[in-house]
Amino acid sequence: MRHILKLAIITLLLIGCSSLGGFVESSAPEENFIDITGGIDRSFSYKFKVEYRTTTELNQCTTYHLALGKRIAQQFEFDYYPDIRGSTYLVRLPLQELEPNTPCNWKPVMAFLCVNSAGKEPTSCTSIFSFRGVQDIGPVTKIECTKNNFCSDSEINVGSGAINEFNRTYQVDIVAK
């Protein structure tokens, strides 16, 4: 029994306890940002989040993933709650919360919309924008959310909304399906 407990503790240390390499909060988090606005269905509660990942392969910037048997990029997320007024909302997503000029070169990679039933903390998240270096979205994105808190882009596959134009506003209408 003791051997199993010791093995479990070592495994947890290997998987979950590596420090975030080169993790420095930026002094200018809104130097790059996107504003998201649009119509909103009040039967849900919402938050948006931005996921950052390291882009260098230094050991301090990666974590060993036991199941994959290799080192992978570290990641970190920031949450943002929209300002909801009536049937519209606005949220600013800073895209430089982490200082990019560190050995790990942290970069934002994805923006998510998270929902739950009205009054509950949003927990079910769907990617809405990726920051891949191309711009391939239309003028308005329409996200449909079900009563089971699953959301998807009504026009294209979820997560294919790549953007590379920052410091501007994007319209994302969120409707109940």
C-alpha atoms as a PDB file:
ATOM      1  CA  MET A   1       0.000   0.000   0.000  1.00  0.00           C
ATOM      2  CA  ARG A   2       2.775   2.384   0.924  1.00  0.00           C
ATOM      3  CA  HIS A   3       4.523   1.641  -2.370  1.00  0.00           C
ATOM      4  CA  ILE A   4       1.370   2.548  -4.340  1.00  0.00           C
ATOM      5  CA  LEU A   5       0.945   5.795  -2.396  1.00  0.00           C
ATOM      6  CA  LYS A   6       4.595   6.729  -2.995  1.00  0.00           C
ATOM      7  CA  LEU A   7       4.231   5.978  -6.719  1.00  0.00           C
ATOM      8  CA  ALA A   8       1.045   8.094  -6.917  1.00  0.00           C
ATOM      9  CA  ILE A   9       2.774  11.053  -5.246  1.00  0.00           C
ATOM     10  CA  ILE A  10       5.782  10.832  -7.590  1.00  0.00           C
ATOM     11  CA  THR A  11       3.461  10.654 -10.614  1.00  0.00           C
ATOM     12  CA  LEU A  12       1.538  13.741  -9.467  1.00  0.00           C
ATOM     13  CA  LEU A  13       4.788  15.622  -8.977  1.00  0.00           C
ATOM     14  CA  LEU A  14       5.978  14.718 -12.476  1.00  0.00           C
ATOM     15  CA  ILE A  15       2.690  15.624 -14.149  1.00  0.00           C
ATOM     16  CA  GLY A  16       1.313  18.608 -12.298  1.00  0.00           C
ATOM     17  CA  CYS A  17       3.946  20.438 -10.359  1.00  0.00           C
ATOM     18  CA  SER A  18       6.330  21.880 -12.866  1.00  0.00           C
ATOM     19  CA  SER A  19       6.680  25.615 -12.487  1.00  0.00           C
ATOM     20  CA  LEU A  20       5.598  27.890 -15.290  1.00  0.00           C
ATOM     21  CA  GLY A  21       8.782  28.754 -17.136  1.00  0.00           C
ATOM     22  CA  GLY A  22       9.545  32.381 -17.855  1.00  0.00           C
ATOM     23  CA  PHE A  23       6.162  33.337 -16.410  1.00  0.00           C
ATOM     24  CA  VAL A  24       6.147  37.121 -16.096  1.00  0.00           C
ATOM     25  CA  GLU A  25       2.984  39.200 -16.096  1.00  0.00           C
ATOM     26  CA  SER A  26       3.128  41.958 -18.678  1.00  0.00           C
ATOM     27  CA  SER A  27       3.311  45.616 -17.715  1.00  0.00           C
ATOM     28  CA  ALA A  28       1.193  46.429 -20.806  1.00  0.00           C
ATOM     29  CA  PRO A  29      -1.432  43.635 -21.045  1.00  0.00           C
ATOM     30  CA  GLU A  30      -3.688  45.665 -23.365  1.00  0.00           C
ATOM     31  CA  GLU A  31      -0.981  46.584 -25.849  1.00  0.00           C
ATOM     32  CA  ASN A  32      -2.641  43.933 -28.003  1.00  0.00           C
ATOM     33  CA  PHE A  33      -6.320  43.176 -27.406  1.00  0.00           C
ATOM     34  CA  ILE A  34      -9.593  42.319 -29.061  1.00  0.00           C
ATOM     35  CA  ASP A  35     -12.978  43.689 -28.082  1.00  0.00           C
ATOM     36  CA  ILE A  36     -15.907  41.337 -28.561  1.00  0.00           C
ATOM     37  CA  THR A  37     -19.451  42.642 -28.691  1.00  0.00           C
ATOM     38  CA  GLY A  38     -22.823  41.448 -29.904  1.00  0.00           C
ATOM     39  CA  GLY A  39     -26.237  40.177 -28.968  1.00  0.00           C
ATOM     40  CA  ILE A  40     -26.557  37.829 -26.023  1.00  0.00           C
ATOM     41  CA  ASP A  41     -29.157  35.407 -24.691  1.00  0.00           C
ATOM     42  CA  ARG A  42     -29.766  36.041 -20.980  1.00  0.00           C
ATOM     43  CA  SER A  43     -30.690  32.397 -20.229  1.00  0.00           C
ATOM     44  CA  PHE A  44     -26.970  31.650 -19.798  1.00  0.00           C
ATOM     45  CA  SER A  45     -24.121  33.040 -17.714  1.00  0.00           C
ATOM     46  CA  TYR A  46     -20.898  33.795 -19.578  1.00  0.00           C
ATOM     47  CA  LYS A  47     -17.193  34.297 -19.381  1.00  0.00           C
ATOM     48  CA  PHE A  48     -14.473  34.451 -21.991  1.00  0.00           C
ATOM     49  CA  LYS A  49     -10.954  33.178 -21.547  1.00  0.00           C
ATOM     50  CA  VAL A  50      -7.658  33.423 -23.369  1.00  0.00           C
ATOM     51  CA  GLU A  51      -5.222  30.511 -23.378  1.00  0.00           C
ATOM     52  CA  TYR A  52      -1.492  31.205 -23.569  1.00  0.00           C
ATOM     53  CA  ARG A  53       1.198  28.640 -24.413  1.00  0.00           C
ATOM     54  CA  THR A  54       4.964  28.636 -24.397  1.00  0.00           C
ATOM     55  CA  THR A  55       6.541  28.520 -27.852  1.00  0.00           C
ATOM     56  CA  THR A  56      10.104  27.423 -27.079  1.00  0.00           C
ATOM     57  CA  GLU A  57      11.260  23.903 -26.300  1.00  0.00           C
ATOM     58  CA  LEU A  58      13.508  24.672 -23.348  1.00  0.00           C
ATOM     59  CA  ASN A  59      12.924  22.311 -20.411  1.00  0.00           C
ATOM     60  CA  GLN A  60      11.859  25.216 -18.198  1.00  0.00           C
ATOM     61  CA  CYS A  61       9.174  26.076 -20.787  1.00  0.00           C
ATOM     62  CA  THR A  62       7.713  22.611 -21.241  1.00  0.00           C
ATOM     63  CA  THR A  63       6.176  19.947 -19.027  1.00  0.00           C
ATOM     64  CA  TYR A  64       6.733  16.233 -19.361  1.00  0.00           C
ATOM     65  CA  HIS A  65       3.437  14.559 -20.259  1.00  0.00           C
ATOM     66  CA  LEU A  66       3.605  11.013 -18.896  1.00  0.00           C
ATOM     67  CA  ALA A  67       0.820   9.581 -21.095  1.00  0.00           C
ATOM     68  CA  LEU A  68       2.291  11.040 -24.297  1.00  0.00           C
ATOM     69  CA  GLY A  69       5.860  10.250 -23.289  1.00  0.00           C
ATOM     70  CA  LYS A  70       7.163  13.644 -24.357  1.00  0.00           C
ATOM     71  CA  ARG A  71       7.514  17.258 -23.313  1.00  0.00           C
ATOM     72  CA  ILE A  72       4.663  19.622 -24.232  1.00  0.00           C
ATOM     73  CA  ALA A  73       4.158  23.383 -24.096  1.00  0.00           C
ATOM     74  CA  GLN A  74       3.069  24.860 -20.795  1.00  0.00           C
ATOM     75  CA  GLN A  75      -0.251  26.695 -20.796  1.00  0.00           C
ATOM     76  CA  PHE A  76      -2.027  29.290 -18.693  1.00  0.00           C
ATOM     77  CA  GLU A  77      -5.487  30.869 -18.954  1.00  0.00           C
ATOM     78  CA  PHE A  78      -7.014  34.220 -17.984  1.00  0.00           C
ATOM     79  CA  ASP A  79     -10.782  34.696 -17.478  1.00  0.00           C
ATOM     80  CA  TYR A  80     -12.809  37.772 -18.466  1.00  0.00           C
ATOM     81  CA  TYR A  81     -16.476  38.467 -17.703  1.00  0.00           C
ATOM     82  CA  PRO A  82     -18.518  40.483 -20.201  1.00  0.00           C
ATOM     83  CA  ASP A  83     -20.349  43.689 -19.363  1.00  0.00           C
ATOM     84  CA  ILE A  84     -23.958  42.742 -20.175  1.00  0.00           C
ATOM     85  CA  ARG A  85     -26.519  45.468 -20.774  1.00  0.00           C
ATOM     86  CA  GLY A  86     -29.969  44.288 -21.777  1.00  0.00           C
ATOM     87  CA  SER A  87     -29.528  42.009 -24.760  1.00  0.00           C
ATOM     88  CA  THR A  88     -25.980  43.091 -25.703  1.00  0.00           C
ATOM     89  CA  TYR A  89     -22.536  42.681 -24.190  1.00  0.00           C
ATOM     90  CA  LEU A  90     -18.973  43.928 -24.478  1.00  0.00           C
ATOM     91  CA  VAL A  91     -15.758  42.328 -23.273  1.00  0.00           C
ATOM     92  CA  ARG A  92     -12.116  43.291 -23.803  1.00  0.00           C
ATOM     93  CA  LEU A  93      -9.650  40.432 -24.075  1.00  0.00           C
ATOM     94  CA  PRO A  94      -6.087  41.613 -23.441  1.00  0.00           C
ATOM     95  CA  LEU A  95      -3.699  39.493 -25.513  1.00  0.00           C
ATOM     96  CA  GLN A  96      -0.494  40.304 -23.699  1.00  0.00           C
ATOM     97  CA  GLU A  97      -1.227  39.354 -20.079  1.00  0.00           C
ATOM     98  CA  LEU A  98       2.056  37.411 -20.087  1.00  0.00           C
ATOM     99  CA  GLU A  99       5.287  39.053 -21.129  1.00  0.00           C
ATOM    100  CA  PRO A 100       6.222  37.580 -24.523  1.00  0.00           C
ATOM    101  CA  ASN A 101       9.907  38.590 -24.274  1.00  0.00           C
ATOM    102  CA  THR A 102      11.007  35.825 -21.921  1.00  0.00           C
ATOM    103  CA  PRO A 103      12.946  32.639 -22.690  1.00  0.00           C
ATOM    104  CA  CYS A 104       9.611  30.775 -22.984  1.00  0.00           C
ATOM    105  CA  ASN A 105       8.029  33.293 -25.388  1.00  0.00           C
ATOM    106  CA  TRP A 106       4.432  33.027 -24.122  1.00  0.00           C
ATOM    107  CA  LYS A 107       1.819  33.663 -26.839  1.00  0.00           C
ATOM    108  CA  PRO A 108      -2.002  33.759 -26.820  1.00  0.00           C
ATOM    109  CA  VAL A 109      -3.256  30.858 -28.919  1.00  0.00           C
ATOM    110  CA  MET A 110      -7.027  30.660 -28.430  1.00  0.00           C
ATOM    111  CA  ALA A 111     -10.040  32.598 -27.135  1.00  0.00           C
ATOM    112  CA  PHE A 112     -12.921  30.656 -25.609  1.00  0.00           C
ATOM    113  CA  LEU A 113     -16.557  31.352 -24.745  1.00  0.00           C
ATOM    114  CA  CYS A 114     -17.683  29.567 -21.564  1.00  0.00           C
ATOM    115  CA  VAL A 115     -21.350  29.181 -20.569  1.00  0.00           C
ATOM    116  CA  ASN A 116     -23.620  27.709 -17.929  1.00  0.00           C
ATOM    117  CA  SER A 117     -27.216  28.158 -16.868  1.00  0.00           C
ATOM    118  CA  ALA A 118     -28.016  31.720 -15.775  1.00  0.00           C
ATOM    119  CA  GLY A 119     -26.697  32.411 -12.288  1.00  0.00           C
ATOM    120  CA  LYS A 120     -24.093  29.605 -12.327  1.00  0.00           C
ATOM    121  CA  GLU A 121     -20.349  29.907 -12.909  1.00  0.00           C
ATOM    122  CA  PRO A 122     -19.605  29.253 -16.615  1.00  0.00           C
ATOM    123  CA  THR A 123     -17.746  25.946 -16.991  1.00  0.00           C
ATOM    124  CA  SER A 124     -18.456  24.576 -20.479  1.00  0.00           C
ATOM    125  CA  CYS A 125     -16.041  26.234 -22.902  1.00  0.00           C
ATOM    126  CA  THR A 126     -15.901  26.377 -26.692  1.00  0.00           C
ATOM    127  CA  SER A 127     -13.132  27.914 -28.776  1.00  0.00           C
ATOM    128  CA  ILE A 128     -14.272  30.912 -30.784  1.00  0.00           C
ATOM    129  CA  PHE A 129     -11.038  32.428 -32.133  1.00  0.00           C
ATOM    130  CA  SER A 130      -7.547  31.138 -32.712  1.00  0.00           C
ATOM    131  CA  PHE A 131      -4.574  33.410 -33.190  1.00  0.00           C
ATOM    132  CA  ARG A 132      -2.858  31.534 -36.049  1.00  0.00           C
ATOM    133  CA  GLY A 133      -1.509  34.318 -38.203  1.00  0.00           C
ATOM    134  CA  VAL A 134      -4.344  34.394 -40.749  1.00  0.00           C
ATOM    135  CA  GLN A 135      -7.667  36.170 -40.938  1.00  0.00           C
ATOM    136  CA  ASP A 136     -10.489  33.909 -42.101  1.00  0.00           C
ATOM    137  CA  ILE A 137     -13.708  35.018 -40.413  1.00  0.00           C
ATOM    138  CA  GLY A 138     -16.736  36.910 -41.637  1.00  0.00           C
ATOM    139  CA  PRO A 139     -17.973  40.235 -40.236  1.00  0.00           C
ATOM    140  CA  VAL A 140     -20.302  38.530 -37.706  1.00  0.00           C
ATOM    141  CA  THR A 141     -19.838  35.229 -35.891  1.00  0.00           C
ATOM    142  CA  LYS A 142     -22.993  33.562 -34.593  1.00  0.00           C
ATOM    143  CA  ILE A 143     -22.585  31.114 -31.702  1.00  0.00           C
ATOM    144  CA  GLU A 144     -25.517  28.855 -30.817  1.00  0.00           C
ATOM    145  CA  CYS A 145     -25.700  27.414 -27.295  1.00  0.00           C
ATOM    146  CA  THR A 146     -27.957  24.541 -26.225  1.00  0.00           C
ATOM    147  CA  LYS A 147     -29.672  24.084 -22.863  1.00  0.00           C
ATOM    148  CA  ASN A 148     -26.964  21.445 -22.172  1.00  0.00           C
ATOM    149  CA  ASN A 149     -24.376  24.269 -22.288  1.00  0.00           C
ATOM    150  CA  PHE A 150     -22.815  23.144 -25.563  1.00  0.00           C
ATOM    151  CA  CYS A 151     -21.998  25.953 -27.980  1.00  0.00           C
ATOM    152  CA  SER A 152     -20.966  25.878 -31.623  1.00  0.00           C
ATOM    153  CA  ASP A 153     -20.458  28.266 -34.493  1.00  0.00           C
ATOM    154  CA  SER A 154     -23.629  28.221 -36.596  1.00  0.00           C
ATOM    155  CA  GLU A 155     -21.738  28.750 -39.865  1.00  0.00           C
ATOM    156  CA  ILE A 156     -18.482  26.823 -39.655  1.00  0.00           C
ATOM    157  CA  ASN A 157     -16.740  24.266 -37.476  1.00  0.00           C
ATOM    158  CA  VAL A 158     -15.936  25.405 -33.952  1.00  0.00           C
ATOM    159  CA  GLY A 159     -12.425  26.771 -33.509  1.00  0.00           C
ATOM    160  CA  SER A 160     -11.768  27.581 -37.156  1.00  0.00           C
ATOM    161  CA  GLY A 161     -12.251  31.321 -36.660  1.00  0.00           C
ATOM    162  CA  ALA A 162      -8.647  32.360 -37.069  1.00  0.00           C
ATOM    163  CA  ILE A 163      -7.764  36.009 -36.566  1.00  0.00           C
ATOM    164  CA  ASN A 164      -4.571  38.027 -36.757  1.00  0.00           C
ATOM    165  CA  GLU A 165      -5.950  41.570 -36.653  1.00  0.00           C
ATOM    166  CA  PHE A 166      -5.759  42.937 -33.116  1.00  0.00           C
ATOM    167  CA  ASN A 167      -6.766  46.174 -31.383  1.00  0.00           C
ATOM    168  CA  ARG A 168     -10.186  46.112 -32.989  1.00  0.00           C
ATOM    169  CA  THR A 169     -13.754  44.941 -32.323  1.00  0.00           C
ATOM    170  CA  TYR A 170     -15.276  41.634 -33.424  1.00  0.00           C
ATOM    171  CA  GLN A 171     -18.996  40.913 -33.399  1.00  0.00           C
ATOM    172  CA  VAL A 172     -20.030  37.590 -31.873  1.00  0.00           C
ATOM    173  CA  ASP A 173     -23.790  37.086 -31.418  1.00  0.00           C
ATOM    174  CA  ILE A 174     -24.673  34.398 -28.854  1.00  0.00           C
ATOM    175  CA  VAL A 175     -28.103  32.789 -29.208  1.00  0.00           C
ATOM    176  CA  ALA A 176     -29.975  29.889 -27.620  1.00  0.00           C
ATOM    177  CA  LYS A 177     -30.554  26.966 -29.953  1.00  0.00           C
END
